[in-house]
Amino acid sequence: MIHGPLLWYLNRGTGFAILGLFTMATALGILATGQRAGRGVPRFVTQALHRNIALIAVVVLGVHITTAVADSYVDIRWWQALVPWAGSTYEPLWLGLGTLALDLTLVVTVTSLVRTRLGHRSWRVVHLLAYAGWAAAMAHSIGIGADVRADAGWADLTVAACAALVAGAVVLRVGRLAVPAGSPS
């Protein structure tokens, strides 16, 4: 175990980076779905961007978890980073939500890597867990990131912007679904 400000900053920094990356991946996933994925941008481009941003987020998530476990300031064991509500005394609700977000992310990532073996329908059902994972990550960042937000208005703005981006993507997607495929948009 290591202790020092570098780990704290790296942990918090990667946490906010992940929130931004998973928000972008979620919004792109929402917008890249369906027959009319986007205006002027081929669907395969938005899907590739969605996939690549999500994979980068998973790598950054690995750094986030490693720094959280390595930092001795808070006693988080490696199994507590994998099993939700596994006995951590540090912010158990919020840490558990972060762990749940990790677990859902791992399920979505692994099933996406073996998508061709699962079949589209099965993969899509499992992939819907990404919404719950993003929501759990948002709740985790709101609850466990209170130490950052207490002194930094930018942190609240970041969380609000992430929520607005995904909500906006949902509104656009629902709006597209309301317009018949053959009609001009």
C-alpha atoms as a PDB file:
ATOM      1  CA  MET A   1       0.000   0.000   0.000  1.00  0.00           C
ATOM      2  CA  ILE A   2       1.165   3.473  -0.859  1.00  0.00           C
ATOM      3  CA  HIS A   3       0.029   6.824   0.424  1.00  0.00           C
ATOM      4  CA  GLY A   4       0.477  10.273  -0.972  1.00  0.00           C
ATOM      5  CA  PRO A   5      -1.178  13.064  -2.886  1.00  0.00           C
ATOM      6  CA  LEU A   6      -0.138  11.662  -6.277  1.00  0.00           C
ATOM      7  CA  LEU A   7      -2.369   8.588  -5.849  1.00  0.00           C
ATOM      8  CA  TRP A   8      -5.257  10.737  -4.628  1.00  0.00           C
ATOM      9  CA  TYR A   9      -5.015  13.045  -7.650  1.00  0.00           C
ATOM     10  CA  LEU A  10      -4.545  10.133 -10.044  1.00  0.00           C
ATOM     11  CA  ASN A  11      -7.539   8.328  -8.556  1.00  0.00           C
ATOM     12  CA  ARG A  12      -9.814  11.365  -8.706  1.00  0.00           C
ATOM     13  CA  GLY A  13      -8.531  12.390 -12.121  1.00  0.00           C
ATOM     14  CA  THR A  14      -9.107   8.965 -13.633  1.00  0.00           C
ATOM     15  CA  GLY A  15     -12.541   8.897 -11.995  1.00  0.00           C
ATOM     16  CA  PHE A  16     -13.602  12.067 -13.777  1.00  0.00           C
ATOM     17  CA  ALA A  17     -11.970  10.897 -17.017  1.00  0.00           C
ATOM     18  CA  ILE A  18     -13.924   7.628 -16.844  1.00  0.00           C
ATOM     19  CA  LEU A  19     -17.155   9.478 -16.188  1.00  0.00           C
ATOM     20  CA  GLY A  20     -16.570  11.591 -19.288  1.00  0.00           C
ATOM     21  CA  LEU A  21     -15.503   8.640 -21.431  1.00  0.00           C
ATOM     22  CA  PHE A  22     -18.382   6.390 -20.382  1.00  0.00           C
ATOM     23  CA  THR A  23     -20.796   9.275 -20.884  1.00  0.00           C
ATOM     24  CA  MET A  24     -19.514   9.759 -24.437  1.00  0.00           C
ATOM     25  CA  ALA A  25     -19.679   6.006 -25.082  1.00  0.00           C
ATOM     26  CA  THR A  26     -23.221   5.837 -23.707  1.00  0.00           C
ATOM     27  CA  ALA A  27     -24.410   8.834 -25.726  1.00  0.00           C
ATOM     28  CA  LEU A  28     -22.795   7.495 -28.908  1.00  0.00           C
ATOM     29  CA  GLY A  29     -24.303   4.068 -28.268  1.00  0.00           C
ATOM     30  CA  ILE A  30     -27.737   5.635 -27.941  1.00  0.00           C
ATOM     31  CA  LEU A  31     -27.285   7.683 -31.115  1.00  0.00           C
ATOM     32  CA  ALA A  32     -25.609   4.936 -33.169  1.00  0.00           C
ATOM     33  CA  THR A  33     -28.472   2.520 -32.664  1.00  0.00           C
ATOM     34  CA  GLY A  34     -31.248   2.045 -35.149  1.00  0.00           C
ATOM     35  CA  GLN A  35     -31.655   2.378 -38.880  1.00  0.00           C
ATOM     36  CA  ARG A  36     -31.190   6.144 -38.954  1.00  0.00           C
ATOM     37  CA  ALA A  37     -28.085   6.480 -36.821  1.00  0.00           C
ATOM     38  CA  GLY A  38     -27.072   9.966 -37.769  1.00  0.00           C
ATOM     39  CA  ARG A  39     -27.204  12.692 -40.325  1.00  0.00           C
ATOM     40  CA  GLY A  40     -24.227  12.711 -42.658  1.00  0.00           C
ATOM     41  CA  VAL A  41     -22.157  10.335 -40.515  1.00  0.00           C
ATOM     42  CA  PRO A  42     -22.190   6.659 -41.464  1.00  0.00           C
ATOM     43  CA  ARG A  43     -23.410   4.370 -38.713  1.00  0.00           C
ATOM     44  CA  PHE A  44     -20.207   2.317 -38.763  1.00  0.00           C
ATOM     45  CA  VAL A  45     -18.242   5.473 -37.872  1.00  0.00           C
ATOM     46  CA  THR A  46     -20.346   6.258 -34.800  1.00  0.00           C
ATOM     47  CA  GLN A  47     -20.317   2.602 -33.766  1.00  0.00           C
ATOM     48  CA  ALA A  48     -16.522   2.395 -34.109  1.00  0.00           C
ATOM     49  CA  LEU A  49     -16.127   5.614 -32.123  1.00  0.00           C
ATOM     50  CA  HIS A  50     -18.507   4.246 -29.463  1.00  0.00           C
ATOM     51  CA  ARG A  51     -16.550   0.996 -29.215  1.00  0.00           C
ATOM     52  CA  ASN A  52     -13.106   2.638 -29.125  1.00  0.00           C
ATOM     53  CA  ILE A  53     -14.084   5.224 -26.506  1.00  0.00           C
ATOM     54  CA  ALA A  54     -15.579   2.449 -24.374  1.00  0.00           C
ATOM     55  CA  LEU A  55     -12.375   0.391 -24.627  1.00  0.00           C
ATOM     56  CA  ILE A  56     -10.243   3.397 -23.656  1.00  0.00           C
ATOM     57  CA  ALA A  57     -12.591   3.945 -20.706  1.00  0.00           C
ATOM     58  CA  VAL A  58     -12.072   0.341 -19.573  1.00  0.00           C
ATOM     59  CA  VAL A  59      -8.285   0.865 -19.569  1.00  0.00           C
ATOM     60  CA  VAL A  60      -8.641   4.108 -17.571  1.00  0.00           C
ATOM     61  CA  LEU A  61     -11.020   2.251 -15.239  1.00  0.00           C
ATOM     62  CA  GLY A  62      -8.225  -0.256 -14.584  1.00  0.00           C
ATOM     63  CA  VAL A  63      -5.924   2.601 -13.534  1.00  0.00           C
ATOM     64  CA  HIS A  64      -8.689   4.075 -11.351  1.00  0.00           C
ATOM     65  CA  ILE A  65      -9.224   0.790  -9.510  1.00  0.00           C
ATOM     66  CA  THR A  66      -5.493   0.135  -9.157  1.00  0.00           C
ATOM     67  CA  THR A  67      -4.892   3.551  -7.594  1.00  0.00           C
ATOM     68  CA  ALA A  68      -7.889   3.152  -5.270  1.00  0.00           C
ATOM     69  CA  VAL A  69      -6.626  -0.204  -3.996  1.00  0.00           C
ATOM     70  CA  ALA A  70      -2.972   0.920  -3.821  1.00  0.00           C
ATOM     71  CA  ASP A  71      -3.708   4.099  -1.851  1.00  0.00           C
ATOM     72  CA  SER A  72      -3.437   3.355   1.862  1.00  0.00           C
ATOM     73  CA  TYR A  73      -5.384   6.494   2.813  1.00  0.00           C
ATOM     74  CA  VAL A  74      -8.589   4.516   2.330  1.00  0.00           C
ATOM     75  CA  ASP A  75      -8.640   0.795   3.088  1.00  0.00           C
ATOM     76  CA  ILE A  76     -10.093  -0.746  -0.070  1.00  0.00           C
ATOM     77  CA  ARG A  77      -9.089  -4.351  -0.728  1.00  0.00           C
ATOM     78  CA  TRP A  78      -8.964  -5.807  -4.224  1.00  0.00           C
ATOM     79  CA  TRP A  79     -11.998  -8.036  -3.638  1.00  0.00           C
ATOM     80  CA  GLN A  80     -13.996  -5.014  -2.473  1.00  0.00           C
ATOM     81  CA  ALA A  81     -13.300  -3.494  -5.884  1.00  0.00           C
ATOM     82  CA  LEU A  82     -14.911  -6.552  -7.503  1.00  0.00           C
ATOM     83  CA  VAL A  83     -17.712  -7.573  -5.126  1.00  0.00           C
ATOM     84  CA  PRO A  84     -20.300  -4.879  -4.368  1.00  0.00           C
ATOM     85  CA  TRP A  85     -20.819  -4.109  -0.685  1.00  0.00           C
ATOM     86  CA  ALA A  86     -18.117  -6.606   0.389  1.00  0.00           C
ATOM     87  CA  GLY A  87     -17.331  -5.047   3.743  1.00  0.00           C
ATOM     88  CA  SER A  88     -15.539  -1.799   3.034  1.00  0.00           C
ATOM     89  CA  THR A  89     -16.065   0.736   5.796  1.00  0.00           C
ATOM     90  CA  TYR A  90     -15.214   3.627   3.473  1.00  0.00           C
ATOM     91  CA  GLU A  91     -18.434   5.050   1.989  1.00  0.00           C
ATOM     92  CA  PRO A  92     -19.973   1.570   1.585  1.00  0.00           C
ATOM     93  CA  LEU A  93     -23.044   2.661  -0.418  1.00  0.00           C
ATOM     94  CA  TRP A  94     -21.083   4.767  -2.902  1.00  0.00           C
ATOM     95  CA  LEU A  95     -18.163   2.348  -3.173  1.00  0.00           C
ATOM     96  CA  GLY A  96     -20.642  -0.490  -3.721  1.00  0.00           C
ATOM     97  CA  LEU A  97     -22.283   1.442  -6.556  1.00  0.00           C
ATOM     98  CA  GLY A  98     -18.870   1.950  -8.146  1.00  0.00           C
ATOM     99  CA  THR A  99     -18.176  -1.766  -7.832  1.00  0.00           C
ATOM    100  CA  LEU A 100     -21.569  -2.551  -9.356  1.00  0.00           C
ATOM    101  CA  ALA A 101     -20.740  -0.193 -12.237  1.00  0.00           C
ATOM    102  CA  LEU A 102     -17.433  -2.041 -12.717  1.00  0.00           C
ATOM    103  CA  ASP A 103     -19.116  -5.446 -12.714  1.00  0.00           C
ATOM    104  CA  LEU A 104     -21.743  -4.339 -15.238  1.00  0.00           C
ATOM    105  CA  THR A 105     -18.995  -2.818 -17.386  1.00  0.00           C
ATOM    106  CA  LEU A 106     -17.052  -6.088 -17.307  1.00  0.00           C
ATOM    107  CA  VAL A 107     -20.135  -8.092 -18.329  1.00  0.00           C
ATOM    108  CA  VAL A 108     -20.876  -5.711 -21.211  1.00  0.00           C
ATOM    109  CA  THR A 109     -17.216  -5.646 -22.304  1.00  0.00           C
ATOM    110  CA  VAL A 110     -16.732  -9.422 -22.238  1.00  0.00           C
ATOM    111  CA  THR A 111     -20.002 -10.115 -24.049  1.00  0.00           C
ATOM    112  CA  SER A 112     -19.114  -7.473 -26.640  1.00  0.00           C
ATOM    113  CA  LEU A 113     -15.770  -9.167 -27.254  1.00  0.00           C
ATOM    114  CA  VAL A 114     -17.569 -12.469 -27.942  1.00  0.00           C
ATOM    115  CA  ARG A 115     -20.554 -10.882 -29.655  1.00  0.00           C
ATOM    116  CA  THR A 116     -20.365 -13.049 -32.765  1.00  0.00           C
ATOM    117  CA  ARG A 117     -20.602 -16.207 -30.636  1.00  0.00           C
ATOM    118  CA  LEU A 118     -23.597 -14.940 -28.660  1.00  0.00           C
ATOM    119  CA  GLY A 119     -25.806 -13.819 -31.470  1.00  0.00           C
ATOM    120  CA  HIS A 120     -27.171 -10.323 -31.870  1.00  0.00           C
ATOM    121  CA  ARG A 121     -30.316 -10.717 -29.772  1.00  0.00           C
ATOM    122  CA  SER A 122     -28.526 -12.149 -26.718  1.00  0.00           C
ATOM    123  CA  TRP A 123     -25.725  -9.602 -26.982  1.00  0.00           C
ATOM    124  CA  ARG A 124     -28.199  -6.736 -27.233  1.00  0.00           C
ATOM    125  CA  VAL A 125     -30.096  -7.832 -24.112  1.00  0.00           C
ATOM    126  CA  VAL A 126     -26.850  -8.004 -22.116  1.00  0.00           C
ATOM    127  CA  HIS A 127     -25.610  -4.742 -23.672  1.00  0.00           C
ATOM    128  CA  LEU A 128     -28.616  -2.930 -22.199  1.00  0.00           C
ATOM    129  CA  LEU A 129     -26.862  -3.341 -18.827  1.00  0.00           C
ATOM    130  CA  ALA A 130     -24.555  -0.527 -19.975  1.00  0.00           C
ATOM    131  CA  TYR A 131     -27.329   1.937 -19.081  1.00  0.00           C
ATOM    132  CA  ALA A 132     -27.459   0.621 -15.517  1.00  0.00           C
ATOM    133  CA  GLY A 133     -23.655   0.659 -15.355  1.00  0.00           C
ATOM    134  CA  TRP A 134     -23.527   4.293 -16.452  1.00  0.00           C
ATOM    135  CA  ALA A 135     -26.221   5.250 -13.912  1.00  0.00           C
ATOM    136  CA  ALA A 136     -24.370   3.416 -11.118  1.00  0.00           C
ATOM    137  CA  ALA A 137     -21.131   5.172 -12.118  1.00  0.00           C
ATOM    138  CA  MET A 138     -22.903   8.543 -12.028  1.00  0.00           C
ATOM    139  CA  ALA A 139     -24.277   7.816  -8.548  1.00  0.00           C
ATOM    140  CA  HIS A 140     -20.825   6.612  -7.427  1.00  0.00           C
ATOM    141  CA  SER A 141     -19.178   9.802  -8.633  1.00  0.00           C
ATOM    142  CA  ILE A 142     -21.816  11.992  -6.985  1.00  0.00           C
ATOM    143  CA  GLY A 143     -21.589  10.203  -3.640  1.00  0.00           C
ATOM    144  CA  ILE A 144     -17.954   9.253  -3.319  1.00  0.00           C
ATOM    145  CA  GLY A 145     -16.621  12.349  -5.073  1.00  0.00           C
ATOM    146  CA  ALA A 146     -18.076  14.682  -2.460  1.00  0.00           C
ATOM    147  CA  ASP A 147     -14.576  15.521  -1.233  1.00  0.00           C
ATOM    148  CA  VAL A 148     -13.773  16.962  -4.656  1.00  0.00           C
ATOM    149  CA  ARG A 149     -17.128  18.659  -5.166  1.00  0.00           C
ATOM    150  CA  ALA A 150     -17.014  20.394  -1.783  1.00  0.00           C
ATOM    151  CA  ASP A 151     -14.331  22.754  -3.085  1.00  0.00           C
ATOM    152  CA  ALA A 152     -14.759  22.515  -6.839  1.00  0.00           C
ATOM    153  CA  GLY A 153     -17.796  23.788  -8.696  1.00  0.00           C
ATOM    154  CA  TRP A 154     -16.322  22.342 -11.876  1.00  0.00           C
ATOM    155  CA  ALA A 155     -16.927  18.844 -10.523  1.00  0.00           C
ATOM    156  CA  ASP A 156     -20.666  19.477 -10.185  1.00  0.00           C
ATOM    157  CA  LEU A 157     -20.697  21.012 -13.657  1.00  0.00           C
ATOM    158  CA  THR A 158     -18.952  17.923 -15.033  1.00  0.00           C
ATOM    159  CA  VAL A 159     -21.550  15.590 -13.523  1.00  0.00           C
ATOM    160  CA  ALA A 160     -24.399  17.834 -14.736  1.00  0.00           C
ATOM    161  CA  ALA A 161     -22.908  17.998 -18.247  1.00  0.00           C
ATOM    162  CA  CYS A 162     -22.611  14.202 -18.355  1.00  0.00           C
ATOM    163  CA  ALA A 163     -26.246  13.801 -17.328  1.00  0.00           C
ATOM    164  CA  ALA A 164     -27.329  16.420 -19.884  1.00  0.00           C
ATOM    165  CA  LEU A 165     -25.364  14.751 -22.688  1.00  0.00           C
ATOM    166  CA  VAL A 166     -26.958  11.348 -22.142  1.00  0.00           C
ATOM    167  CA  ALA A 167     -30.417  12.892 -21.644  1.00  0.00           C
ATOM    168  CA  GLY A 168     -29.944  14.857 -24.878  1.00  0.00           C
ATOM    169  CA  ALA A 169     -28.949  11.691 -26.737  1.00  0.00           C
ATOM    170  CA  VAL A 170     -32.082   9.957 -25.444  1.00  0.00           C
ATOM    171  CA  VAL A 171     -34.264  12.889 -26.572  1.00  0.00           C
ATOM    172  CA  LEU A 172     -32.680  12.821 -30.040  1.00  0.00           C
ATOM    173  CA  ARG A 173     -33.084   9.055 -30.283  1.00  0.00           C
ATOM    174  CA  VAL A 174     -36.724   9.147 -29.199  1.00  0.00           C
ATOM    175  CA  GLY A 175     -37.331  12.006 -31.639  1.00  0.00           C
ATOM    176  CA  ARG A 176     -35.822   9.949 -34.462  1.00  0.00           C
ATOM    177  CA  LEU A 177     -38.017   6.994 -33.565  1.00  0.00           C
ATOM    178  CA  ALA A 178     -41.102   9.198 -33.811  1.00  0.00           C
ATOM    179  CA  VAL A 179     -40.282  10.133 -37.439  1.00  0.00           C
ATOM    180  CA  PRO A 180     -41.109   7.381 -39.958  1.00  0.00           C
ATOM    181  CA  ALA A 181     -38.001   6.079 -41.754  1.00  0.00           C
ATOM    182  CA  GLY A 182     -39.169   7.192 -45.213  1.00  0.00           C
ATOM    183  CA  SER A 183     -40.082  10.768 -44.318  1.00  0.00           C
ATOM    184  CA  PRO A 184     -37.705  13.729 -44.562  1.00  0.00           C
ATOM    185  CA  SER A 185     -36.233  14.845 -41.246  1.00  0.00           C
END
